[in-house]
Amino acid sequence: MKIALLSLALMGQPATIPISDRVPVLNVEAGCKAAVEEAKAHGLTAVESFSDCMKDEKEAQQQVSTLWATSPSDVRNRCEGTASIGVHSYVELLTCLQAAFVAAHPEAVPPRKARDRNKH
């Protein structure tokens, strides 16, 4: 009887990992295409190429993969929502995760040197 109840209890549990536990899959190709087209439409001369944009997104995705599991679930959920609004971007997702880390661990950020502060 106990085994039957345990089996029923386990069967009622979700068999999949919640979405926030996995790095989200974003359609970055559409965002890169749109960014290149928009820059060209505005007559910008220093336009990032589609391949450069995709390279940046791939590198950001790899960095996100290393940070994702160690980021708190509320941060992952917030950042995933932010990165999924409008143009989907791993660069945006990475920036959000890094900003959340800095906000939670200000002591981990090296202090700026006096000469760096005077440049602005």
N, C-alpha and C. Protein backbone atom coordinates (compact mmCIF):
# COMPACT_ATOMS: atom_id res chain seq x y z
N MET A 1 0.82 -1.19 0.00
CA MET A 1 0.00 0.00 0.00
C MET A 1 0.87 1.27 0.00
N LYS A 2 1.92 1.25 0.85
CA LYS A 2 2.80 2.42 0.92
C LYS A 2 3.49 2.67 -0.42
N ILE A 3 3.89 1.58 -1.09
CA ILE A 3 4.55 1.72 -2.38
C ILE A 3 3.58 2.31 -3.40
N ALA A 4 2.34 1.88 -3.36
CA ALA A 4 1.34 2.40 -4.29
C ALA A 4 1.13 3.89 -4.06
N LEU A 5 1.05 4.31 -2.80
CA LEU A 5 0.87 5.74 -2.49
C LEU A 5 2.09 6.55 -2.91
N LEU A 6 3.28 5.99 -2.67
CA LEU A 6 4.51 6.68 -3.07
C LEU A 6 4.56 6.82 -4.60
N SER A 7 4.18 5.76 -5.30
CA SER A 7 4.16 5.81 -6.77
C SER A 7 3.19 6.87 -7.27
N LEU A 8 2.01 6.94 -6.66
CA LEU A 8 1.04 7.95 -7.05
C LEU A 8 1.56 9.35 -6.77
N ALA A 9 2.23 9.51 -5.63
CA ALA A 9 2.77 10.82 -5.27
C ALA A 9 3.84 11.25 -6.27
N LEU A 10 4.72 10.32 -6.64
CA LEU A 10 5.78 10.65 -7.60
C LEU A 10 5.23 10.89 -8.99
N MET A 11 4.19 10.19 -9.36
CA MET A 11 3.60 10.38 -10.68
C MET A 11 2.96 11.75 -10.80
N GLY A 12 2.55 12.31 -9.68
CA GLY A 12 1.93 13.63 -9.69
C GLY A 12 2.93 14.75 -9.81
N GLN A 13 4.21 14.45 -9.66
CA GLN A 13 5.26 15.46 -9.74
C GLN A 13 5.62 15.72 -11.19
N PRO A 14 5.95 16.95 -11.52
CA PRO A 14 6.33 17.23 -12.90
C PRO A 14 7.61 16.48 -13.27
N ALA A 15 7.64 15.91 -14.45
CA ALA A 15 8.80 15.15 -14.91
C ALA A 15 9.81 16.04 -15.62
N THR A 16 9.43 17.26 -15.91
CA THR A 16 10.34 18.15 -16.62
C THR A 16 10.93 19.17 -15.67
N ILE A 17 12.02 19.74 -16.08
CA ILE A 17 12.68 20.79 -15.31
C ILE A 17 11.93 22.09 -15.56
N PRO A 18 11.66 22.86 -14.50
CA PRO A 18 11.01 24.15 -14.74
C PRO A 18 11.82 24.99 -15.72
N ILE A 19 11.15 25.80 -16.50
CA ILE A 19 11.80 26.59 -17.54
C ILE A 19 12.95 27.43 -16.97
N SER A 20 12.77 28.01 -15.79
CA SER A 20 13.80 28.89 -15.26
C SER A 20 15.08 28.15 -14.87
N ASP A 21 15.04 26.80 -14.80
CA ASP A 21 16.24 26.04 -14.48
C ASP A 21 17.12 25.78 -15.70
N ARG A 22 16.60 26.06 -16.88
CA ARG A 22 17.37 25.87 -18.12
C ARG A 22 17.60 27.22 -18.77
N VAL A 23 18.73 27.33 -19.44
CA VAL A 23 18.99 28.55 -20.21
C VAL A 23 17.93 28.65 -21.29
N PRO A 24 17.25 29.79 -21.40
CA PRO A 24 16.20 29.90 -22.41
C PRO A 24 16.77 29.84 -23.83
N VAL A 25 15.95 29.37 -24.73
CA VAL A 25 16.32 29.33 -26.14
C VAL A 25 15.73 30.58 -26.79
N LEU A 26 16.59 31.44 -27.28
CA LEU A 26 16.16 32.70 -27.87
C LEU A 26 16.42 32.70 -29.37
N ASN A 27 15.53 33.30 -30.13
CA ASN A 27 15.69 33.43 -31.58
C ASN A 27 16.50 34.70 -31.85
N VAL A 28 17.81 34.57 -31.78
CA VAL A 28 18.68 35.74 -31.94
C VAL A 28 18.90 36.11 -33.41
N GLU A 29 18.68 35.17 -34.31
CA GLU A 29 18.86 35.47 -35.74
C GLU A 29 17.96 36.61 -36.18
N ALA A 30 16.71 36.55 -35.77
CA ALA A 30 15.77 37.61 -36.15
C ALA A 30 16.21 38.95 -35.60
N GLY A 31 16.71 38.96 -34.37
CA GLY A 31 17.18 40.20 -33.77
C GLY A 31 18.40 40.77 -34.47
N CYS A 32 19.32 39.90 -34.85
CA CYS A 32 20.51 40.37 -35.56
C CYS A 32 20.15 40.92 -36.94
N LYS A 33 19.26 40.22 -37.63
CA LYS A 33 18.82 40.71 -38.95
C LYS A 33 18.15 42.08 -38.81
N ALA A 34 17.28 42.20 -37.81
CA ALA A 34 16.56 43.46 -37.60
C ALA A 34 17.52 44.59 -37.24
N ALA A 35 18.52 44.30 -36.41
CA ALA A 35 19.48 45.33 -36.00
C ALA A 35 20.28 45.85 -37.18
N VAL A 36 20.72 44.94 -38.04
CA VAL A 36 21.50 45.33 -39.22
C VAL A 36 20.63 46.16 -40.17
N GLU A 37 19.41 45.72 -40.41
CA GLU A 37 18.51 46.45 -41.31
C GLU A 37 18.16 47.83 -40.76
N GLU A 38 17.92 47.90 -39.46
CA GLU A 38 17.57 49.20 -38.86
C GLU A 38 18.74 50.17 -38.94
N ALA A 39 19.95 49.68 -38.68
CA ALA A 39 21.13 50.54 -38.76
C ALA A 39 21.32 51.06 -40.18
N LYS A 40 21.14 50.18 -41.15
CA LYS A 40 21.28 50.60 -42.56
C LYS A 40 20.20 51.61 -42.93
N ALA A 41 18.98 51.39 -42.45
CA ALA A 41 17.87 52.29 -42.76
C ALA A 41 18.09 53.68 -42.20
N HIS A 42 18.83 53.77 -41.09
CA HIS A 42 19.12 55.07 -40.49
C HIS A 42 20.41 55.68 -41.02
N GLY A 43 21.02 55.02 -42.00
CA GLY A 43 22.21 55.56 -42.63
C GLY A 43 23.46 55.50 -41.78
N LEU A 44 23.50 54.62 -40.80
CA LEU A 44 24.69 54.50 -39.97
C LEU A 44 25.81 53.85 -40.78
N THR A 45 27.00 54.37 -40.65
CA THR A 45 28.12 53.86 -41.44
C THR A 45 28.85 52.72 -40.73
N ALA A 46 28.93 52.75 -39.43
CA ALA A 46 29.62 51.70 -38.67
C ALA A 46 28.61 50.64 -38.25
N VAL A 47 28.12 49.91 -39.23
CA VAL A 47 27.09 48.91 -38.98
C VAL A 47 27.74 47.57 -38.65
N GLU A 48 27.32 46.97 -37.54
CA GLU A 48 27.79 45.63 -37.20
C GLU A 48 27.19 44.64 -38.20
N SER A 49 28.01 43.75 -38.71
CA SER A 49 27.51 42.78 -39.68
C SER A 49 26.65 41.73 -38.98
N PHE A 50 25.85 41.05 -39.77
CA PHE A 50 25.01 39.97 -39.25
C PHE A 50 25.88 38.90 -38.60
N SER A 51 26.98 38.54 -39.24
CA SER A 51 27.85 37.49 -38.69
C SER A 51 28.51 37.93 -37.39
N ASP A 52 28.89 39.21 -37.28
CA ASP A 52 29.46 39.72 -36.03
C ASP A 52 28.41 39.70 -34.92
N CYS A 53 27.19 40.08 -35.26
CA CYS A 53 26.10 40.06 -34.29
C CYS A 53 25.86 38.64 -33.79
N MET A 54 25.82 37.69 -34.70
CA MET A 54 25.59 36.29 -34.31
C MET A 54 26.75 35.76 -33.47
N LYS A 55 27.97 36.19 -33.78
CA LYS A 55 29.14 35.78 -32.99
C LYS A 55 29.01 36.31 -31.57
N ASP A 56 28.62 37.58 -31.43
CA ASP A 56 28.42 38.18 -30.11
C ASP A 56 27.35 37.43 -29.33
N GLU A 57 26.26 37.08 -30.01
CA GLU A 57 25.16 36.36 -29.35
C GLU A 57 25.61 34.97 -28.90
N LYS A 58 26.39 34.28 -29.72
CA LYS A 58 26.88 32.94 -29.38
C LYS A 58 27.81 33.01 -28.18
N GLU A 59 28.70 33.99 -28.15
CA GLU A 59 29.61 34.16 -27.02
C GLU A 59 28.83 34.48 -25.75
N ALA A 60 27.83 35.33 -25.86
CA ALA A 60 27.00 35.67 -24.71
C ALA A 60 26.23 34.45 -24.23
N GLN A 61 25.73 33.64 -25.15
CA GLN A 61 24.99 32.43 -24.78
C GLN A 61 25.89 31.49 -23.98
N GLN A 62 27.14 31.35 -24.39
CA GLN A 62 28.08 30.49 -23.67
C GLN A 62 28.34 31.02 -22.26
N GLN A 63 28.47 32.34 -22.12
CA GLN A 63 28.69 32.93 -20.80
C GLN A 63 27.45 32.79 -19.93
N VAL A 64 26.27 32.96 -20.53
CA VAL A 64 25.02 32.79 -19.80
C VAL A 64 24.93 31.36 -19.27
N SER A 65 25.34 30.39 -20.08
CA SER A 65 25.28 28.99 -19.68
C SER A 65 26.09 28.73 -18.41
N THR A 66 27.20 29.43 -18.24
CA THR A 66 28.01 29.22 -17.04
C THR A 66 27.43 29.94 -15.82
N LEU A 67 26.73 31.04 -16.04
CA LEU A 67 26.17 31.82 -14.92
C LEU A 67 24.78 31.35 -14.49
N TRP A 68 24.06 30.73 -15.39
CA TRP A 68 22.63 30.45 -15.19
C TRP A 68 22.37 29.65 -13.92
N ALA A 69 23.06 28.54 -13.75
CA ALA A 69 22.79 27.64 -12.63
C ALA A 69 23.10 28.27 -11.28
N THR A 70 24.02 29.23 -11.25
CA THR A 70 24.40 29.85 -9.98
C THR A 70 23.62 31.13 -9.69
N SER A 71 22.79 31.54 -10.62
CA SER A 71 21.98 32.75 -10.42
C SER A 71 20.69 32.36 -9.71
N PRO A 72 20.23 33.19 -8.76
CA PRO A 72 18.97 32.90 -8.07
C PRO A 72 17.79 32.85 -9.05
N SER A 73 16.80 32.03 -8.74
CA SER A 73 15.68 31.83 -9.67
C SER A 73 14.92 33.12 -9.95
N ASP A 74 14.80 34.01 -8.95
CA ASP A 74 14.08 35.27 -9.22
C ASP A 74 14.85 36.13 -10.22
N VAL A 75 16.17 36.10 -10.15
CA VAL A 75 17.00 36.84 -11.10
C VAL A 75 16.87 36.21 -12.49
N ARG A 76 16.93 34.88 -12.56
CA ARG A 76 16.78 34.20 -13.85
C ARG A 76 15.45 34.55 -14.49
N ASN A 77 14.38 34.49 -13.70
CA ASN A 77 13.05 34.79 -14.23
C ASN A 77 12.95 36.23 -14.74
N ARG A 78 13.47 37.17 -13.94
CA ARG A 78 13.42 38.58 -14.33
C ARG A 78 14.25 38.83 -15.59
N CYS A 79 15.45 38.28 -15.62
CA CYS A 79 16.33 38.49 -16.77
C CYS A 79 15.81 37.80 -18.02
N GLU A 80 15.23 36.63 -17.86
CA GLU A 80 14.65 35.94 -19.01
C GLU A 80 13.50 36.76 -19.59
N GLY A 81 12.69 37.34 -18.72
CA GLY A 81 11.60 38.19 -19.19
C GLY A 81 12.11 39.41 -19.92
N THR A 82 13.15 40.03 -19.37
CA THR A 82 13.74 41.22 -20.00
C THR A 82 14.33 40.88 -21.37
N ALA A 83 15.05 39.77 -21.45
CA ALA A 83 15.71 39.39 -22.71
C ALA A 83 14.72 38.91 -23.76
N SER A 84 13.50 38.60 -23.34
CA SER A 84 12.50 38.08 -24.28
C SER A 84 11.55 39.15 -24.78
N ILE A 85 11.69 40.37 -24.28
CA ILE A 85 10.84 41.47 -24.73
C ILE A 85 11.43 42.04 -26.01
N GLY A 86 10.61 42.20 -27.01
CA GLY A 86 11.09 42.78 -28.27
C GLY A 86 12.07 41.86 -28.97
N VAL A 87 13.29 42.32 -29.16
CA VAL A 87 14.32 41.54 -29.84
C VAL A 87 14.95 40.61 -28.82
N HIS A 88 14.90 39.32 -29.08
CA HIS A 88 15.49 38.34 -28.16
C HIS A 88 17.00 38.39 -28.27
N SER A 89 17.68 38.44 -27.10
CA SER A 89 19.13 38.62 -27.14
C SER A 89 19.80 37.99 -25.93
N TYR A 90 20.81 37.13 -26.19
CA TYR A 90 21.62 36.59 -25.10
C TYR A 90 22.52 37.67 -24.53
N VAL A 91 22.89 38.66 -25.33
CA VAL A 91 23.70 39.77 -24.83
C VAL A 91 22.90 40.51 -23.75
N GLU A 92 21.62 40.76 -24.00
CA GLU A 92 20.76 41.41 -23.00
C GLU A 92 20.61 40.53 -21.76
N LEU A 93 20.44 39.24 -21.96
CA LEU A 93 20.30 38.30 -20.85
C LEU A 93 21.56 38.28 -20.00
N LEU A 94 22.72 38.24 -20.64
CA LEU A 94 24.00 38.25 -19.94
C LEU A 94 24.18 39.54 -19.15
N THR A 95 23.87 40.67 -19.78
CA THR A 95 23.99 41.97 -19.11
C THR A 95 23.13 42.02 -17.86
N CYS A 96 21.91 41.51 -17.96
CA CYS A 96 21.00 41.48 -16.82
C CYS A 96 21.56 40.61 -15.69
N LEU A 97 22.05 39.42 -16.02
CA LEU A 97 22.61 38.53 -15.01
C LEU A 97 23.83 39.16 -14.33
N GLN A 98 24.69 39.79 -15.13
CA GLN A 98 25.88 40.43 -14.58
C GLN A 98 25.51 41.61 -13.68
N ALA A 99 24.53 42.41 -14.10
CA ALA A 99 24.09 43.55 -13.29
C ALA A 99 23.50 43.07 -11.97
N ALA A 100 22.74 42.00 -12.00
CA ALA A 100 22.15 41.46 -10.78
C ALA A 100 23.25 40.95 -9.84
N PHE A 101 24.28 40.34 -10.40
CA PHE A 101 25.39 39.86 -9.58
C PHE A 101 26.11 41.02 -8.91
N VAL A 102 26.39 42.06 -9.68
CA VAL A 102 27.08 43.24 -9.13
C VAL A 102 26.24 43.89 -8.04
N ALA A 103 24.92 43.98 -8.26
CA ALA A 103 24.04 44.58 -7.26
C ALA A 103 24.02 43.76 -5.97
N ALA A 104 24.09 42.45 -6.10
CA ALA A 104 24.05 41.58 -4.92
C ALA A 104 25.42 41.43 -4.25
N HIS A 105 26.48 41.68 -4.99
CA HIS A 105 27.85 41.50 -4.47
C HIS A 105 28.72 42.70 -4.81
N PRO A 106 28.41 43.88 -4.30
CA PRO A 106 29.21 45.07 -4.67
C PRO A 106 30.67 44.94 -4.26
N GLU A 107 30.94 44.14 -3.25
CA GLU A 107 32.33 43.97 -2.80
C GLU A 107 33.17 43.22 -3.83
N ALA A 108 32.53 42.51 -4.75
CA ALA A 108 33.26 41.74 -5.77
C ALA A 108 33.74 42.61 -6.92
N VAL A 109 33.25 43.84 -7.00
CA VAL A 109 33.64 44.74 -8.08
C VAL A 109 34.88 45.51 -7.65
N PRO A 110 35.96 45.40 -8.41
CA PRO A 110 37.17 46.13 -8.03
C PRO A 110 36.94 47.63 -8.08
N PRO A 111 37.48 48.36 -7.12
CA PRO A 111 37.30 49.82 -7.13
C PRO A 111 37.99 50.44 -8.34
N ARG A 112 37.39 51.50 -8.85
CA ARG A 112 37.99 52.22 -9.97
C ARG A 112 39.16 53.04 -9.46
N LYS A 113 40.18 53.13 -10.27
CA LYS A 113 41.34 53.95 -9.92
C LYS A 113 40.98 55.41 -10.11
N ALA A 114 41.65 56.28 -9.40
CA ALA A 114 41.37 57.72 -9.47
C ALA A 114 41.51 58.23 -10.89
N ARG A 115 42.51 57.77 -11.61
CA ARG A 115 42.70 58.27 -12.98
C ARG A 115 41.56 57.84 -13.89
N ASP A 116 40.96 56.67 -13.64
CA ASP A 116 39.81 56.22 -14.43
C ASP A 116 38.60 57.10 -14.17
N ARG A 117 38.40 57.52 -12.94
CA ARG A 117 37.26 58.37 -12.60
C ARG A 117 37.40 59.76 -13.22
N ASN A 118 38.62 60.23 -13.39
CA ASN A 118 38.84 61.57 -13.93
C ASN A 118 38.72 61.64 -15.45
N LYS A 119 38.64 60.51 -16.11
CA LYS A 119 38.52 60.50 -17.57
C LYS A 119 37.17 60.99 -18.03
N HIS A 120 36.16 60.92 -17.20
CA HIS A 120 34.79 61.27 -17.61
C HIS A 120 34.46 62.66 -17.28
